[in-house]
Amino acid sequence: MYANQLLDAYKTSKNYIQDKQIAHDLGVGPSRISEFRSGKRQMSDTQAIFLAENANIDIHEALIYLAADKAKDHKAQQAWQDITAKLSRQGFRGLVLGLTGFLALVPTIPQCALCTLC
């Protein structure tokens, strides 16, 4: 589970010894960290971003891998495994740059269509 890796990376970056130190930083009880680690509960995107930023992990990568962990359906799990395997093989940074470039164009597309209609 990626949540464990994220929690461990944050713990290492802060030189923490116990999970309750992470819980304090997130403003949650220590039992919540145990629930994250066991898969009983999923961390929020905000919590994941906080941990990733402070552990010097790309937030896009963290969110994608956490989304893969959240998949409940077998087909969705397979699809996420394929996606994360491709990301690992091809290098995550290239995908992020491609997605960022595409998303930067998306807001201009409706404007161009509207201009054409005018």
PDB file of N, CA and C in Angstrom:
ATOM      1  N   MET A   1       0.838  -1.187   0.000  1.00  0.00           N
ATOM      2  CA  MET A   1       0.000   0.000   0.000  1.00  0.00           C
ATOM      3  C   MET A   1       0.879   1.246   0.000  1.00  0.00           C
ATOM      4  N   TYR A   2       0.527   2.166  -0.870  1.00  0.00           N
ATOM      5  CA  TYR A   2       1.312   3.385  -1.012  1.00  0.00           C
ATOM      6  C   TYR A   2       1.218   4.282   0.220  1.00  0.00           C
ATOM      7  N   ALA A   3       0.118   4.231   0.946  1.00  0.00           N
ATOM      8  CA  ALA A   3      -0.044   5.064   2.142  1.00  0.00           C
ATOM      9  C   ALA A   3       1.085   4.798   3.133  1.00  0.00           C
ATOM     10  N   ASN A   4       1.462   3.531   3.290  1.00  0.00           N
ATOM     11  CA  ASN A   4       2.563   3.198   4.195  1.00  0.00           C
ATOM     12  C   ASN A   4       3.871   3.825   3.730  1.00  0.00           C
ATOM     13  N   GLN A   5       4.122   3.770   2.429  1.00  0.00           N
ATOM     14  CA  GLN A   5       5.350   4.362   1.887  1.00  0.00           C
ATOM     15  C   GLN A   5       5.365   5.870   2.116  1.00  0.00           C
ATOM     16  N   LEU A   6       4.222   6.499   1.903  1.00  0.00           N
ATOM     17  CA  LEU A   6       4.112   7.942   2.090  1.00  0.00           C
ATOM     18  C   LEU A   6       4.322   8.317   3.556  1.00  0.00           C
ATOM     19  N   LEU A   7       3.685   7.577   4.444  1.00  0.00           N
ATOM     20  CA  LEU A   7       3.847   7.827   5.879  1.00  0.00           C
ATOM     21  C   LEU A   7       5.297   7.608   6.311  1.00  0.00           C
ATOM     22  N   ASP A   8       5.923   6.545   5.816  1.00  0.00           N
ATOM     23  CA  ASP A   8       7.315   6.269   6.174  1.00  0.00           C
ATOM     24  C   ASP A   8       8.265   7.328   5.632  1.00  0.00           C
ATOM     25  N   ALA A   9       8.007   7.798   4.411  1.00  0.00           N
ATOM     26  CA  ALA A   9       8.857   8.840   3.824  1.00  0.00           C
ATOM     27  C   ALA A   9       8.756  10.126   4.641  1.00  0.00           C
ATOM     28  N   TYR A  10       7.558  10.467   5.048  1.00  0.00           N
ATOM     29  CA  TYR A  10       7.361  11.667   5.877  1.00  0.00           C
ATOM     30  C   TYR A  10       8.052  11.496   7.218  1.00  0.00           C
ATOM     31  N   LYS A  11       7.881  10.334   7.807  1.00  0.00           N
ATOM     32  CA  LYS A  11       8.478  10.038   9.110  1.00  0.00           C
ATOM     33  C   LYS A  11      10.012  10.166   9.032  1.00  0.00           C
ATOM     34  N   THR A  12      10.586   9.644   7.969  1.00  0.00           N
ATOM     35  CA  THR A  12      12.035   9.721   7.770  1.00  0.00           C
ATOM     36  C   THR A  12      12.484  11.164   7.552  1.00  0.00           C
ATOM     37  N   SER A  13      11.729  11.903   6.745  1.00  0.00           N
ATOM     38  CA  SER A  13      12.118  13.295   6.447  1.00  0.00           C
ATOM     39  C   SER A  13      12.100  14.172   7.693  1.00  0.00           C
ATOM     40  N   LYS A  14      11.247  13.845   8.632  1.00  0.00           N
ATOM     41  CA  LYS A  14      11.130  14.624   9.875  1.00  0.00           C
ATOM     42  C   LYS A  14      11.958  14.022  11.016  1.00  0.00           C
ATOM     43  N   ASN A  15      12.630  12.895  10.743  1.00  0.00           N
ATOM     44  CA  ASN A  15      13.393  12.177  11.769  1.00  0.00           C
ATOM     45  C   ASN A  15      12.510  11.788  12.953  1.00  0.00           C
ATOM     46  N   TYR A  16      11.287  11.401  12.660  1.00  0.00           N
ATOM     47  CA  TYR A  16      10.361  10.968  13.689  1.00  0.00           C
ATOM     48  C   TYR A  16      10.604   9.497  14.019  1.00  0.00           C
ATOM     49  N   ILE A  17      10.227   9.140  15.239  1.00  0.00           N
ATOM     50  CA  ILE A  17      10.381   7.767  15.701  1.00  0.00           C
ATOM     51  C   ILE A  17       9.031   7.066  15.751  1.00  0.00           C
ATOM     52  N   GLN A  18       8.000   7.797  16.109  1.00  0.00           N
ATOM     53  CA  GLN A  18       6.683   7.193  16.313  1.00  0.00           C
ATOM     54  C   GLN A  18       5.644   7.784  15.365  1.00  0.00           C
ATOM     55  N   ASP A  19       4.649   6.956  15.043  1.00  0.00           N
ATOM     56  CA  ASP A  19       3.553   7.408  14.188  1.00  0.00           C
ATOM     57  C   ASP A  19       2.706   8.486  14.853  1.00  0.00           C
ATOM     58  N   LYS A  20       2.697   8.526  16.178  1.00  0.00           N
ATOM     59  CA  LYS A  20       1.887   9.541  16.843  1.00  0.00           C
ATOM     60  C   LYS A  20       2.420  10.951  16.559  1.00  0.00           C
ATOM     61  N   GLN A  21       3.689  11.053  16.187  1.00  0.00           N
ATOM     62  CA  GLN A  21       4.246  12.347  15.793  1.00  0.00           C
ATOM     63  C   GLN A  21       3.642  12.791  14.454  1.00  0.00           C
ATOM     64  N   ILE A  22       3.450  11.841  13.555  1.00  0.00           N
ATOM     65  CA  ILE A  22       2.801  12.142  12.271  1.00  0.00           C
ATOM     66  C   ILE A  22       1.356  12.552  12.533  1.00  0.00           C
ATOM     67  N   ALA A  23       0.695  11.814  13.406  1.00  0.00           N
ATOM     68  CA  ALA A  23      -0.705  12.107  13.738  1.00  0.00           C
ATOM     69  C   ALA A  23      -0.841  13.535  14.255  1.00  0.00           C
ATOM     70  N   HIS A  24       0.078  13.949  15.090  1.00  0.00           N
ATOM     71  CA  HIS A  24       0.045  15.311  15.633  1.00  0.00           C
ATOM     72  C   HIS A  24       0.152  16.339  14.507  1.00  0.00           C
ATOM     73  N   ASP A  25       1.068  16.116  13.575  1.00  0.00           N
ATOM     74  CA  ASP A  25       1.246  17.045  12.450  1.00  0.00           C
ATOM     75  C   ASP A  25       0.002  17.114  11.567  1.00  0.00           C
ATOM     76  N   LEU A  26      -0.689  15.974  11.414  1.00  0.00           N
ATOM     77  CA  LEU A  26      -1.896  15.936  10.580  1.00  0.00           C
ATOM     78  C   LEU A  26      -3.137  16.386  11.343  1.00  0.00           C
ATOM     79  N   GLY A  27      -3.007  16.504  12.651  1.00  0.00           N
ATOM     80  CA  GLY A  27      -4.155  16.913  13.457  1.00  0.00           C
ATOM     81  C   GLY A  27      -5.188  15.810  13.627  1.00  0.00           C
ATOM     82  N   VAL A  28      -4.710  14.575  13.666  1.00  0.00           N
ATOM     83  CA  VAL A  28      -5.597  13.427  13.859  1.00  0.00           C
ATOM     84  C   VAL A  28      -5.082  12.600  15.036  1.00  0.00           C
ATOM     85  N   GLY A  29      -5.895  11.677  15.494  1.00  0.00           N
ATOM     86  CA  GLY A  29      -5.481  10.789  16.568  1.00  0.00           C
ATOM     87  C   GLY A  29      -4.532   9.715  16.057  1.00  0.00           C
ATOM     88  N   PRO A  30      -3.698   9.164  16.939  1.00  0.00           N
ATOM     89  CA  PRO A  30      -2.754   8.111  16.531  1.00  0.00           C
ATOM     90  C   PRO A  30      -3.443   6.889  15.920  1.00  0.00           C
ATOM     91  N   SER A  31      -4.671   6.606  16.344  1.00  0.00           N
ATOM     92  CA  SER A  31      -5.376   5.450  15.788  1.00  0.00           C
ATOM     93  C   SER A  31      -5.684   5.644  14.300  1.00  0.00           C
ATOM     94  N   ARG A  32      -5.822   6.900  13.875  1.00  0.00           N
ATOM     95  CA  ARG A  32      -6.096   7.175  12.456  1.00  0.00           C
ATOM     96  C   ARG A  32      -4.904   6.736  11.596  1.00  0.00           C
ATOM     97  N   ILE A  33      -3.686   6.957  12.087  1.00  0.00           N
ATOM     98  CA  ILE A  33      -2.497   6.540  11.332  1.00  0.00           C
ATOM     99  C   ILE A  33      -2.478   5.020  11.216  1.00  0.00           C
ATOM    100  N   SER A  34      -2.851   4.328  12.281  1.00  0.00           N
ATOM    101  CA  SER A  34      -2.937   2.862  12.244  1.00  0.00           C
ATOM    102  C   SER A  34      -3.971   2.412  11.213  1.00  0.00           C
ATOM    103  N   GLU A  35      -5.081   3.132  11.130  1.00  0.00           N
ATOM    104  CA  GLU A  35      -6.113   2.798  10.151  1.00  0.00           C
ATOM    105  C   GLU A  35      -5.616   3.037   8.730  1.00  0.00           C
ATOM    106  N   PHE A  36      -4.821   4.097   8.524  1.00  0.00           N
ATOM    107  CA  PHE A  36      -4.220   4.337   7.205  1.00  0.00           C
ATOM    108  C   PHE A  36      -3.297   3.179   6.839  1.00  0.00           C
ATOM    109  N   ARG A  37      -2.475   2.786   7.803  1.00  0.00           N
ATOM    110  CA  ARG A  37      -1.476   1.735   7.549  1.00  0.00           C
ATOM    111  C   ARG A  37      -2.137   0.382   7.269  1.00  0.00           C
ATOM    112  N   SER A  38      -3.227   0.086   7.934  1.00  0.00           N
ATOM    113  CA  SER A  38      -3.894  -1.207   7.750  1.00  0.00           C
ATOM    114  C   SER A  38      -4.807  -1.234   6.523  1.00  0.00           C
ATOM    115  N   GLY A  39      -5.096  -0.062   5.957  1.00  0.00           N
ATOM    116  CA  GLY A  39      -6.008   0.008   4.816  1.00  0.00           C
ATOM    117  C   GLY A  39      -7.463   0.106   5.227  1.00  0.00           C
ATOM    118  N   LYS A  40      -7.690   0.194   6.515  1.00  0.00           N
ATOM    119  CA  LYS A  40      -9.055   0.299   7.033  1.00  0.00           C
ATOM    120  C   LYS A  40      -9.684   1.636   6.645  1.00  0.00           C
ATOM    121  N   ARG A  41      -8.857   2.658   6.529  1.00  0.00           N
ATOM    122  CA  ARG A  41      -9.321   3.996   6.177  1.00  0.00           C
ATOM    123  C   ARG A  41      -8.322   4.592   5.181  1.00  0.00           C
ATOM    124  N   GLN A  42      -8.828   5.435   4.276  1.00  0.00           N
ATOM    125  CA  GLN A  42      -7.988   6.109   3.287  1.00  0.00           C
ATOM    126  C   GLN A  42      -7.719   7.548   3.733  1.00  0.00           C
ATOM    127  N   MET A  43      -6.506   8.002   3.513  1.00  0.00           N
ATOM    128  CA  MET A  43      -6.215   9.398   3.849  1.00  0.00           C
ATOM    129  C   MET A  43      -6.811  10.308   2.789  1.00  0.00           C
ATOM    130  N   SER A  44      -7.106  11.522   3.194  1.00  0.00           N
ATOM    131  CA  SER A  44      -7.678  12.486   2.257  1.00  0.00           C
ATOM    132  C   SER A  44      -6.596  12.987   1.313  1.00  0.00           C
ATOM    133  N   ASP A  45      -7.027  13.593   0.222  1.00  0.00           N
ATOM    134  CA  ASP A  45      -6.076  14.181  -0.721  1.00  0.00           C
ATOM    135  C   ASP A  45      -5.253  15.269  -0.034  1.00  0.00           C
ATOM    136  N   THR A  46      -5.893  16.051   0.818  1.00  0.00           N
ATOM    137  CA  THR A  46      -5.199  17.123   1.534  1.00  0.00           C
ATOM    138  C   THR A  46      -4.103  16.549   2.429  1.00  0.00           C
ATOM    139  N   GLN A  47      -4.404  15.480   3.130  1.00  0.00           N
ATOM    140  CA  GLN A  47      -3.407  14.848   3.988  1.00  0.00           C
ATOM    141  C   GLN A  47      -2.260  14.282   3.158  1.00  0.00           C
ATOM    142  N   ALA A  48      -2.590  13.642   2.041  1.00  0.00           N
ATOM    143  CA  ALA A  48      -1.570  13.069   1.168  1.00  0.00           C
ATOM    144  C   ALA A  48      -0.663  14.149   0.598  1.00  0.00           C
ATOM    145  N   ILE A  49      -1.248  15.252   0.182  1.00  0.00           N
ATOM    146  CA  ILE A  49      -0.452  16.360  -0.365  1.00  0.00           C
ATOM    147  C   ILE A  49       0.470  16.922   0.707  1.00  0.00           C
ATOM    148  N   PHE A  50      -0.036  17.100   1.920  1.00  0.00           N
ATOM    149  CA  PHE A  50       0.785  17.597   3.025  1.00  0.00           C
ATOM    150  C   PHE A  50       1.987  16.681   3.260  1.00  0.00           C
ATOM    151  N   LEU A  51       1.728  15.380   3.339  1.00  0.00           N
ATOM    152  CA  LEU A  51       2.811  14.425   3.579  1.00  0.00           C
ATOM    153  C   LEU A  51       3.812  14.425   2.427  1.00  0.00           C
ATOM    154  N   ALA A  52       3.302  14.406   1.202  1.00  0.00           N
ATOM    155  CA  ALA A  52       4.175  14.368   0.026  1.00  0.00           C
ATOM    156  C   ALA A  52       5.053  15.609  -0.066  1.00  0.00           C
ATOM    157  N   GLU A  53       4.466  16.773   0.102  1.00  0.00           N
ATOM    158  CA  GLU A  53       5.240  18.012   0.015  1.00  0.00           C
ATOM    159  C   GLU A  53       6.353  18.048   1.054  1.00  0.00           C
ATOM    160  N   ASN A  54       6.047  17.598   2.256  1.00  0.00           N
ATOM    161  CA  ASN A  54       7.038  17.634   3.324  1.00  0.00           C
ATOM    162  C   ASN A  54       8.059  16.506   3.237  1.00  0.00           C
ATOM    163  N   ALA A  55       7.772  15.491   2.435  1.00  0.00           N
ATOM    164  CA  ALA A  55       8.713  14.388   2.232  1.00  0.00           C
ATOM    165  C   ALA A  55       9.431  14.522   0.888  1.00  0.00           C
ATOM    166  N   ASN A  56       9.223  15.647   0.206  1.00  0.00           N
ATOM    167  CA  ASN A  56       9.821  15.905  -1.112  1.00  0.00           C
ATOM    168  C   ASN A  56       9.444  14.829  -2.137  1.00  0.00           C
ATOM    169  N   ILE A  57       8.171  14.464  -2.131  1.00  0.00           N
ATOM    170  CA  ILE A  57       7.615  13.539  -3.113  1.00  0.00           C
ATOM    171  C   ILE A  57       6.672  14.341  -3.994  1.00  0.00           C
ATOM    172  N   ASP A  58       6.690  14.067  -5.281  1.00  0.00           N
ATOM    173  CA  ASP A  58       5.813  14.756  -6.217  1.00  0.00           C
ATOM    174  C   ASP A  58       4.359  14.494  -5.821  1.00  0.00           C
ATOM    175  N   ILE A  59       3.590  15.560  -5.649  1.00  0.00           N
ATOM    176  CA  ILE A  59       2.209  15.395  -5.190  1.00  0.00           C
ATOM    177  C   ILE A  59       1.347  14.669  -6.228  1.00  0.00           C
ATOM    178  N   HIS A  60       1.646  14.834  -7.501  1.00  0.00           N
ATOM    179  CA  HIS A  60       0.894  14.138  -8.551  1.00  0.00           C
ATOM    180  C   HIS A  60       1.087  12.623  -8.409  1.00  0.00           C
ATOM    181  N   GLU A  61       2.334  12.244  -8.201  1.00  0.00           N
ATOM    182  CA  GLU A  61       2.655  10.832  -8.018  1.00  0.00           C
ATOM    183  C   GLU A  61       1.923  10.272  -6.800  1.00  0.00           C
ATOM    184  N   ALA A  62       1.969  10.999  -5.701  1.00  0.00           N
ATOM    185  CA  ALA A  62       1.320  10.542  -4.469  1.00  0.00           C
ATOM    186  C   ALA A  62      -0.178  10.344  -4.688  1.00  0.00           C
ATOM    187  N   LEU A  63      -0.825  11.296  -5.336  1.00  0.00           N
ATOM    188  CA  LEU A  63      -2.271  11.194  -5.548  1.00  0.00           C
ATOM    189  C   LEU A  63      -2.640  10.044  -6.483  1.00  0.00           C
ATOM    190  N   ILE A  64      -1.831   9.817  -7.496  1.00  0.00           N
ATOM    191  CA  ILE A  64      -2.116   8.723  -8.424  1.00  0.00           C
ATOM    192  C   ILE A  64      -1.975   7.373  -7.727  1.00  0.00           C
ATOM    193  N   TYR A  65      -0.896   7.193  -6.987  1.00  0.00           N
ATOM    194  CA  TYR A  65      -0.700   5.916  -6.309  1.00  0.00           C
ATOM    195  C   TYR A  65      -1.733   5.689  -5.208  1.00  0.00           C
ATOM    196  N   LEU A  66      -2.152   6.746  -4.536  1.00  0.00           N
ATOM    197  CA  LEU A  66      -3.209   6.598  -3.530  1.00  0.00           C
ATOM    198  C   LEU A  66      -4.550   6.258  -4.176  1.00  0.00           C
ATOM    199  N   ALA A  67      -4.820   6.850  -5.342  1.00  0.00           N
ATOM    200  CA  ALA A  67      -6.047   6.511  -6.069  1.00  0.00           C
ATOM    201  C   ALA A  67      -6.030   5.038  -6.456  1.00  0.00           C
ATOM    202  N   ALA A  68      -4.870   4.543  -6.825  1.00  0.00           N
ATOM    203  CA  ALA A  68      -4.749   3.121  -7.162  1.00  0.00           C
ATOM    204  C   ALA A  68      -5.063   2.256  -5.946  1.00  0.00           C
ATOM    205  N   ASP A  69      -4.617   2.693  -4.775  1.00  0.00           N
ATOM    206  CA  ASP A  69      -4.907   1.949  -3.547  1.00  0.00           C
ATOM    207  C   ASP A  69      -6.398   1.933  -3.225  1.00  0.00           C
ATOM    208  N   LYS A  70      -7.117   2.983  -3.598  1.00  0.00           N
ATOM    209  CA  LYS A  70      -8.535   3.111  -3.246  1.00  0.00           C
ATOM    210  C   LYS A  70      -9.458   2.265  -4.121  1.00  0.00           C
ATOM    211  N   ALA A  71      -8.956   1.790  -5.250  1.00  0.00           N
ATOM    212  CA  ALA A  71      -9.797   1.028  -6.177  1.00  0.00           C
ATOM    213  C   ALA A  71     -10.339  -0.220  -5.499  1.00  0.00           C
ATOM    214  N   LYS A  72     -11.640  -0.421  -5.611  1.00  0.00           N
ATOM    215  CA  LYS A  72     -12.289  -1.560  -4.956  1.00  0.00           C
ATOM    216  C   LYS A  72     -12.650  -2.662  -5.955  1.00  0.00           C
ATOM    217  N   ASP A  73     -13.049  -2.280  -7.129  1.00  0.00           N
ATOM    218  CA  ASP A  73     -13.445  -3.214  -8.180  1.00  0.00           C
ATOM    219  C   ASP A  73     -12.199  -3.891  -8.771  1.00  0.00           C
ATOM    220  N   HIS A  74     -12.310  -5.181  -9.087  1.00  0.00           N
ATOM    221  CA  HIS A  74     -11.167  -5.925  -9.624  1.00  0.00           C
ATOM    222  C   HIS A  74     -10.642  -5.315 -10.921  1.00  0.00           C
ATOM    223  N   LYS A  75     -11.565  -4.924 -11.820  1.00  0.00           N
ATOM    224  CA  LYS A  75     -11.149  -4.323 -13.090  1.00  0.00           C
ATOM    225  C   LYS A  75     -10.421  -2.995 -12.861  1.00  0.00           C
ATOM    226  N   ALA A  76     -10.940  -2.212 -11.928  1.00  0.00           N
ATOM    227  CA  ALA A  76     -10.296  -0.933 -11.616  1.00  0.00           C
ATOM    228  C   ALA A  76      -8.916  -1.167 -11.019  1.00  0.00           C
ATOM    229  N   GLN A  77      -8.792  -2.161 -10.157  1.00  0.00           N
ATOM    230  CA  GLN A  77      -7.489  -2.477  -9.572  1.00  0.00           C
ATOM    231  C   GLN A  77      -6.493  -2.875 -10.652  1.00  0.00           C
ATOM    232  N   GLN A  78      -6.945  -3.693 -11.610  1.00  0.00           N
ATOM    233  CA  GLN A  78      -6.090  -4.101 -12.729  1.00  0.00           C
ATOM    234  C   GLN A  78      -5.656  -2.895 -13.558  1.00  0.00           C
ATOM    235  N   ALA A  79      -6.611  -2.013 -13.846  1.00  0.00           N
ATOM    236  CA  ALA A  79      -6.302  -0.821 -14.638  1.00  0.00           C
ATOM    237  C   ALA A  79      -5.283   0.048 -13.919  1.00  0.00           C
ATOM    238  N   TRP A  80      -5.477   0.259 -12.613  1.00  0.00           N
ATOM    239  CA  TRP A  80      -4.529   1.075 -11.852  1.00  0.00           C
ATOM    240  C   TRP A  80      -3.152   0.407 -11.784  1.00  0.00           C
ATOM    241  N   GLN A  81      -3.117  -0.922 -11.681  1.00  0.00           N
ATOM    242  CA  GLN A  81      -1.835  -1.621 -11.686  1.00  0.00           C
ATOM    243  C   GLN A  81      -1.112  -1.396 -13.005  1.00  0.00           C
ATOM    244  N   ASP A  82      -1.853  -1.446 -14.103  1.00  0.00           N
ATOM    245  CA  ASP A  82      -1.259  -1.186 -15.418  1.00  0.00           C
ATOM    246  C   ASP A  82      -0.729   0.242 -15.503  1.00  0.00           C
ATOM    247  N   ILE A  83      -1.522   1.184 -15.036  1.00  0.00           N
ATOM    248  CA  ILE A  83      -1.121   2.589 -15.085  1.00  0.00           C
ATOM    249  C   ILE A  83       0.132   2.831 -14.257  1.00  0.00           C
ATOM    250  N   THR A  84       0.132   2.345 -13.025  1.00  0.00           N
ATOM    251  CA  THR A  84       1.295   2.583 -12.161  1.00  0.00           C
ATOM    252  C   THR A  84       2.535   1.843 -12.664  1.00  0.00           C
ATOM    253  N   ALA A  85       2.346   0.666 -13.277  1.00  0.00           N
ATOM    254  CA  ALA A  85       3.492  -0.058 -13.854  1.00  0.00           C
ATOM    255  C   ALA A  85       4.091   0.739 -15.015  1.00  0.00           C
ATOM    256  N   LYS A  86       3.220   1.297 -15.856  1.00  0.00           N
ATOM    257  CA  LYS A  86       3.700   2.111 -16.978  1.00  0.00           C
ATOM    258  C   LYS A  86       4.418   3.362 -16.471  1.00  0.00           C
ATOM    259  N   LEU A  87       3.869   3.959 -15.432  1.00  0.00           N
ATOM    260  CA  LEU A  87       4.517   5.140 -14.858  1.00  0.00           C
ATOM    261  C   LEU A  87       5.906   4.802 -14.339  1.00  0.00           C
ATOM    262  N   SER A  88       6.020   3.674 -13.693  1.00  0.00           N
ATOM    263  CA  SER A  88       7.311   3.263 -13.148  1.00  0.00           C
ATOM    264  C   SER A  88       8.322   2.992 -14.255  1.00  0.00           C
ATOM    265  N   ARG A  89       7.877   2.332 -15.328  1.00  0.00           N
ATOM    266  CA  ARG A  89       8.776   2.006 -16.438  1.00  0.00           C
ATOM    267  C   ARG A  89       9.196   3.240 -17.230  1.00  0.00           C
ATOM    268  N   GLN A  90       8.251   4.115 -17.499  1.00  0.00           N
ATOM    269  CA  GLN A  90       8.505   5.242 -18.385  1.00  0.00           C
ATOM    270  C   GLN A  90       8.996   6.478 -17.665  1.00  0.00           C
ATOM    271  N   GLY A  91       8.949   6.463 -16.385  1.00  0.00           N
ATOM    272  CA  GLY A  91       9.351   7.645 -15.638  1.00  0.00           C
ATOM    273  C   GLY A  91       8.145   8.531 -15.412  1.00  0.00           C
ATOM    274  N   PHE A  92       7.884   8.789 -14.200  1.00  0.00           N
ATOM    275  CA  PHE A  92       6.683   9.528 -13.816  1.00  0.00           C
ATOM    276  C   PHE A  92       6.724  10.961 -14.292  1.00  0.00           C
ATOM    277  N   ARG A  93       7.864  11.595 -14.288  1.00  0.00           N
ATOM    278  CA  ARG A  93       8.000  13.009 -14.606  1.00  0.00           C
ATOM    279  C   ARG A  93       7.467  13.328 -16.006  1.00  0.00           C
ATOM    280  N   GLY A  94       7.747  12.464 -16.986  1.00  0.00           N
ATOM    281  CA  GLY A  94       7.275  12.716 -18.344  1.00  0.00           C
ATOM    282  C   GLY A  94       5.762  12.754 -18.438  1.00  0.00           C
ATOM    283  N   LEU A  95       5.097  11.863 -17.714  1.00  0.00           N
ATOM    284  CA  LEU A  95       3.640  11.843 -17.727  1.00  0.00           C
ATOM    285  C   LEU A  95       3.073  13.105 -17.106  1.00  0.00           C
ATOM    286  N   VAL A  96       3.660  13.521 -16.005  1.00  0.00           N
ATOM    287  CA  VAL A  96       3.178  14.726 -15.329  1.00  0.00           C
ATOM    288  C   VAL A  96       3.309  15.931 -16.252  1.00  0.00           C
ATOM    289  N   LEU A  97       4.427  16.036 -16.946  1.00  0.00           N
ATOM    290  CA  LEU A  97       4.610  17.156 -17.870  1.00  0.00           C
ATOM    291  C   LEU A  97       3.586  17.103 -18.995  1.00  0.00           C
ATOM    292  N   GLY A  98       3.315  15.914 -19.512  1.00  0.00           N
ATOM    293  CA  GLY A  98       2.318  15.769 -20.569  1.00  0.00           C
ATOM    294  C   GLY A  98       0.929  16.127 -20.096  1.00  0.00           C
ATOM    295  N   LEU A  99       0.550  15.651 -18.928  1.00  0.00           N
ATOM    296  CA  LEU A  99      -0.773  15.966 -18.388  1.00  0.00           C
ATOM    297  C   LEU A  99      -0.906  17.445 -18.074  1.00  0.00           C
ATOM    298  N   THR A 100       0.150  18.022 -17.518  1.00  0.00           N
ATOM    299  CA  THR A 100       0.117  19.438 -17.170  1.00  0.00           C
ATOM    300  C   THR A 100      -0.057  20.281 -18.430  1.00  0.00           C
ATOM    301  N   GLY A 101       0.661  19.924 -19.489  1.00  0.00           N
ATOM    302  CA  GLY A 101       0.531  20.655 -20.749  1.00  0.00           C
ATOM    303  C   GLY A 101      -0.865  20.535 -21.327  1.00  0.00           C
ATOM    304  N   PHE A 102      -1.427  19.335 -21.271  1.00  0.00           N
ATOM    305  CA  PHE A 102      -2.785  19.131 -21.775  1.00  0.00           C
ATOM    306  C   PHE A 102      -3.797  19.925 -20.963  1.00  0.00           C
ATOM    307  N   LEU A 103      -3.684  19.856 -19.648  1.00  0.00           N
ATOM    308  CA  LEU A 103      -4.638  20.549 -18.791  1.00  0.00           C
ATOM    309  C   LEU A 103      -4.527  22.063 -18.930  1.00  0.00           C
ATOM    310  N   ALA A 104      -3.349  22.537 -19.270  1.00  0.00           N
ATOM    311  CA  ALA A 104      -3.185  23.972 -19.481  1.00  0.00           C
ATOM    312  C   ALA A 104      -3.974  24.432 -20.714  1.00  0.00           C
ATOM    313  N   LEU A 105      -4.153  23.542 -21.674  1.00  0.00           N
ATOM    314  CA  LEU A 105      -4.883  23.889 -22.897  1.00  0.00           C
ATOM    315  C   LEU A 105      -6.390  23.784 -22.732  1.00  0.00           C
ATOM    316  N   VAL A 106      -6.845  22.972 -21.813  1.00  0.00           N
ATOM    317  CA  VAL A 106      -8.274  22.698 -21.669  1.00  0.00           C
ATOM    318  C   VAL A 106      -9.112  23.963 -21.481  1.00  0.00           C
ATOM    319  N   PRO A 107      -8.742  24.918 -20.616  1.00  0.00           N
ATOM    320  CA  PRO A 107      -9.585  26.105 -20.466  1.00  0.00           C
ATOM    321  C   PRO A 107      -9.716  26.936 -21.740  1.00  0.00           C
ATOM    322  N   THR A 108      -8.734  26.856 -22.645  1.00  0.00           N
ATOM    323  CA  THR A 108      -8.792  27.658 -23.866  1.00  0.00           C
ATOM    324  C   THR A 108      -9.688  27.017 -24.919  1.00  0.00           C
ATOM    325  N   ILE A 109      -9.916  25.733 -24.830  1.00  0.00           N
ATOM    326  CA  ILE A 109     -10.722  25.044 -25.836  1.00  0.00           C
ATOM    327  C   ILE A 109     -12.146  25.590 -25.883  1.00  0.00           C
ATOM    328  N   PRO A 110     -12.855  25.715 -24.748  1.00  0.00           N
ATOM    329  CA  PRO A 110     -14.209  26.267 -24.824  1.00  0.00           C
ATOM    330  C   PRO A 110     -14.226  27.708 -25.350  1.00  0.00           C
ATOM    331  N   GLN A 111     -13.214  28.495 -25.015  1.00  0.00           N
ATOM    332  CA  GLN A 111     -13.164  29.870 -25.500  1.00  0.00           C
ATOM    333  C   GLN A 111     -13.048  29.888 -27.022  1.00  0.00           C
ATOM    334  N   CYS A 112     -12.198  29.022 -27.575  1.00  0.00           N
ATOM    335  CA  CYS A 112     -12.040  28.975 -29.023  1.00  0.00           C
ATOM    336  C   CYS A 112     -13.339  28.557 -29.698  1.00  0.00           C
ATOM    337  N   ALA A 113     -14.028  27.595 -29.114  1.00  0.00           N
ATOM    338  CA  ALA A 113     -15.294  27.156 -29.677  1.00  0.00           C
ATOM    339  C   ALA A 113     -16.329  28.279 -29.638  1.00  0.00           C
ATOM    340  N   LEU A 114     -16.342  29.025 -28.548  1.00  0.00           N
ATOM    341  CA  LEU A 114     -17.275  30.133 -28.428  1.00  0.00           C
ATOM    342  C   LEU A 114     -16.935  31.229 -29.434  1.00  0.00           C
ATOM    343  N   CYS A 115     -15.635  31.478 -29.612  1.00  0.00           N
ATOM    344  CA  CYS A 115     -15.227  32.498 -30.582  1.00  0.00           C
ATOM    345  C   CYS A 115     -15.653  32.109 -31.989  1.00  0.00           C
ATOM    346  N   THR A 116     -15.547  30.836 -32.299  1.00  0.00           N
ATOM    347  CA  THR A 116     -15.950  30.360 -33.614  1.00  0.00           C
ATOM    348  C   THR A 116     -17.440  30.543 -33.830  1.00  0.00           C
ATOM    349  N   LEU A 117     -18.220  30.321 -32.788  1.00  0.00           N
ATOM    350  CA  LEU A 117     -19.664  30.466 -32.894  1.00  0.00           C
ATOM    351  C   LEU A 117     -20.086  31.929 -33.042  1.00  0.00           C
ATOM    352  N   CYS A 118     -19.280  32.839 -32.475  1.00  0.00           N
ATOM    353  CA  CYS A 118     -19.625  34.260 -32.555  1.00  0.00           C
ATOM    354  C   CYS A 118     -19.349  34.721 -33.927  1.00  0.00           C
TER     355      CYS A 118
END
